[in-house]
Amino acid sequence: MTPEAKREAARDRKRKQRERERAHKAACGAHTINFELYQGTRDCMDDMMKVGGFEEQGELITRLLHGAHRVMLRDKSRFNELLKV
């Protein structure tokens, strides 16, 4: 296989991988949210990531949302307390 054929095959594999990832995200209803964090909020996130052993911010945020949702379903007053700043 020539070097150009290898590069073309690699490009094709990568294109197919991206197509699979796009299809998977679409099937799961993935949605991207962009927002700014100020230093105090970032410090809170860093502390929670360290204590929880998280490496990715998205995983922490996802787990926080699902945990808060469970609290809300069980006891709305605890949910309101959780959200007080």
C-alpha atoms as a PDB file:
ATOM      1  CA  MET A   1       0.000   0.000   0.000  1.00  0.00           C
ATOM      2  CA  THR A   2       1.427   3.376  -0.961  1.00  0.00           C
ATOM      3  CA  PRO A   3       1.828   6.139   1.605  1.00  0.00           C
ATOM      4  CA  GLU A   4      -0.940   8.138  -0.096  1.00  0.00           C
ATOM      5  CA  ALA A   5      -3.275   5.121  -0.017  1.00  0.00           C
ATOM      6  CA  LYS A   6      -2.527   4.680   3.710  1.00  0.00           C
ATOM      7  CA  ARG A   7      -3.332   8.347   4.369  1.00  0.00           C
ATOM      8  CA  GLU A   8      -6.560   8.073   2.372  1.00  0.00           C
ATOM      9  CA  ALA A   9      -7.567   4.930   4.277  1.00  0.00           C
ATOM     10  CA  ALA A  10      -6.829   6.687   7.587  1.00  0.00           C
ATOM     11  CA  ARG A  11      -8.923   9.711   6.510  1.00  0.00           C
ATOM     12  CA  ASP A  12     -11.772   7.393   5.546  1.00  0.00           C
ATOM     13  CA  ARG A  13     -11.628   5.539   8.894  1.00  0.00           C
ATOM     14  CA  LYS A  14     -11.656   8.846  10.777  1.00  0.00           C
ATOM     15  CA  ARG A  15     -14.573  10.166   8.697  1.00  0.00           C
ATOM     16  CA  LYS A  16     -16.576   7.011   9.414  1.00  0.00           C
ATOM     17  CA  GLN A  17     -15.732   7.280  13.133  1.00  0.00           C
ATOM     18  CA  ARG A  18     -16.980  10.880  13.224  1.00  0.00           C
ATOM     19  CA  GLU A  19     -20.171   9.856  11.419  1.00  0.00           C
ATOM     20  CA  ARG A  20     -20.779   7.082  13.987  1.00  0.00           C
ATOM     21  CA  GLU A  21     -20.179   9.500  16.869  1.00  0.00           C
ATOM     22  CA  ARG A  22     -22.579  12.079  15.358  1.00  0.00           C
ATOM     23  CA  ALA A  23     -25.242   9.401  14.853  1.00  0.00           C
ATOM     24  CA  HIS A  24     -24.818   8.141  18.418  1.00  0.00           C
ATOM     25  CA  LYS A  25     -25.122  11.639  19.880  1.00  0.00           C
ATOM     26  CA  ALA A  26     -28.200  12.341  17.767  1.00  0.00           C
ATOM     27  CA  ALA A  27     -29.799   9.055  18.856  1.00  0.00           C
ATOM     28  CA  CYS A  28     -29.112   9.850  22.525  1.00  0.00           C
ATOM     29  CA  GLY A  29     -30.403  13.417  22.210  1.00  0.00           C
ATOM     30  CA  ALA A  30     -27.060  14.954  23.166  1.00  0.00           C
ATOM     31  CA  HIS A  31     -27.061  18.706  23.710  1.00  0.00           C
ATOM     32  CA  THR A  32     -24.073  20.991  24.239  1.00  0.00           C
ATOM     33  CA  ILE A  33     -24.240  23.844  26.744  1.00  0.00           C
ATOM     34  CA  ASN A  34     -21.614  26.575  26.823  1.00  0.00           C
ATOM     35  CA  PHE A  35     -21.368  28.917  29.790  1.00  0.00           C
ATOM     36  CA  GLU A  36     -18.827  30.940  31.753  1.00  0.00           C
ATOM     37  CA  LEU A  37     -17.702  30.085  35.266  1.00  0.00           C
ATOM     38  CA  TYR A  38     -16.379  32.777  37.543  1.00  0.00           C
ATOM     39  CA  GLN A  39     -13.486  31.996  39.867  1.00  0.00           C
ATOM     40  CA  GLY A  40     -15.579  31.226  42.962  1.00  0.00           C
ATOM     41  CA  THR A  41     -17.755  28.804  41.022  1.00  0.00           C
ATOM     42  CA  ARG A  42     -14.694  27.257  39.403  1.00  0.00           C
ATOM     43  CA  ASP A  43     -13.137  26.774  42.847  1.00  0.00           C
ATOM     44  CA  CYS A  44     -16.311  24.984  44.006  1.00  0.00           C
ATOM     45  CA  MET A  45     -16.206  22.749  40.939  1.00  0.00           C
ATOM     46  CA  ASP A  46     -12.531  21.958  41.431  1.00  0.00           C
ATOM     47  CA  ASP A  47     -13.174  21.013  45.086  1.00  0.00           C
ATOM     48  CA  MET A  48     -16.077  18.731  44.129  1.00  0.00           C
ATOM     49  CA  MET A  49     -14.067  17.122  41.348  1.00  0.00           C
ATOM     50  CA  LYS A  50     -11.207  16.410  43.723  1.00  0.00           C
ATOM     51  CA  VAL A  51     -13.381  15.025  46.528  1.00  0.00           C
ATOM     52  CA  GLY A  52     -15.526  12.983  44.113  1.00  0.00           C
ATOM     53  CA  GLY A  53     -12.535  11.725  42.136  1.00  0.00           C
ATOM     54  CA  PHE A  54     -13.883  13.092  38.845  1.00  0.00           C
ATOM     55  CA  GLU A  55     -11.581  13.780  35.926  1.00  0.00           C
ATOM     56  CA  GLU A  56     -14.150  15.354  33.603  1.00  0.00           C
ATOM     57  CA  GLN A  57     -16.275  18.390  34.389  1.00  0.00           C
ATOM     58  CA  GLY A  58     -19.144  17.030  32.312  1.00  0.00           C
ATOM     59  CA  GLU A  59     -19.357  13.886  34.429  1.00  0.00           C
ATOM     60  CA  LEU A  60     -19.539  15.930  37.637  1.00  0.00           C
ATOM     61  CA  ILE A  61     -22.236  18.218  36.227  1.00  0.00           C
ATOM     62  CA  THR A  62     -24.256  15.266  34.928  1.00  0.00           C
ATOM     63  CA  ARG A  63     -24.129  13.488  38.282  1.00  0.00           C
ATOM     64  CA  LEU A  64     -25.006  16.681  40.156  1.00  0.00           C
ATOM     65  CA  LEU A  65     -28.039  17.241  37.933  1.00  0.00           C
ATOM     66  CA  HIS A  66     -29.288  13.678  38.314  1.00  0.00           C
ATOM     67  CA  GLY A  67     -28.660  13.756  42.076  1.00  0.00           C
ATOM     68  CA  ALA A  68     -30.507  17.052  42.471  1.00  0.00           C
ATOM     69  CA  HIS A  69     -33.363  15.669  40.393  1.00  0.00           C
ATOM     70  CA  ARG A  70     -33.655  12.617  42.681  1.00  0.00           C
ATOM     71  CA  VAL A  71     -33.720  14.926  45.734  1.00  0.00           C
ATOM     72  CA  MET A  72     -36.405  17.067  44.074  1.00  0.00           C
ATOM     73  CA  LEU A  73     -38.603  14.033  43.403  1.00  0.00           C
ATOM     74  CA  ARG A  74     -38.306  12.822  47.012  1.00  0.00           C
ATOM     75  CA  ASP A  75     -38.482  16.075  48.971  1.00  0.00           C
ATOM     76  CA  LYS A  76     -39.002  19.470  47.367  1.00  0.00           C
ATOM     77  CA  SER A  77     -37.997  21.315  50.556  1.00  0.00           C
ATOM     78  CA  ARG A  78     -34.592  19.593  50.542  1.00  0.00           C
ATOM     79  CA  PHE A  79     -34.256  20.487  46.862  1.00  0.00           C
ATOM     80  CA  ASN A  80     -35.024  24.143  47.644  1.00  0.00           C
ATOM     81  CA  GLU A  81     -32.463  24.049  50.461  1.00  0.00           C
ATOM     82  CA  LEU A  82     -29.885  22.564  48.080  1.00  0.00           C
ATOM     83  CA  LEU A  83     -30.349  25.436  45.640  1.00  0.00           C
ATOM     84  CA  LYS A  84     -30.024  28.254  48.178  1.00  0.00           C
ATOM     85  CA  VAL A  85     -26.870  30.307  47.730  1.00  0.00           C
END
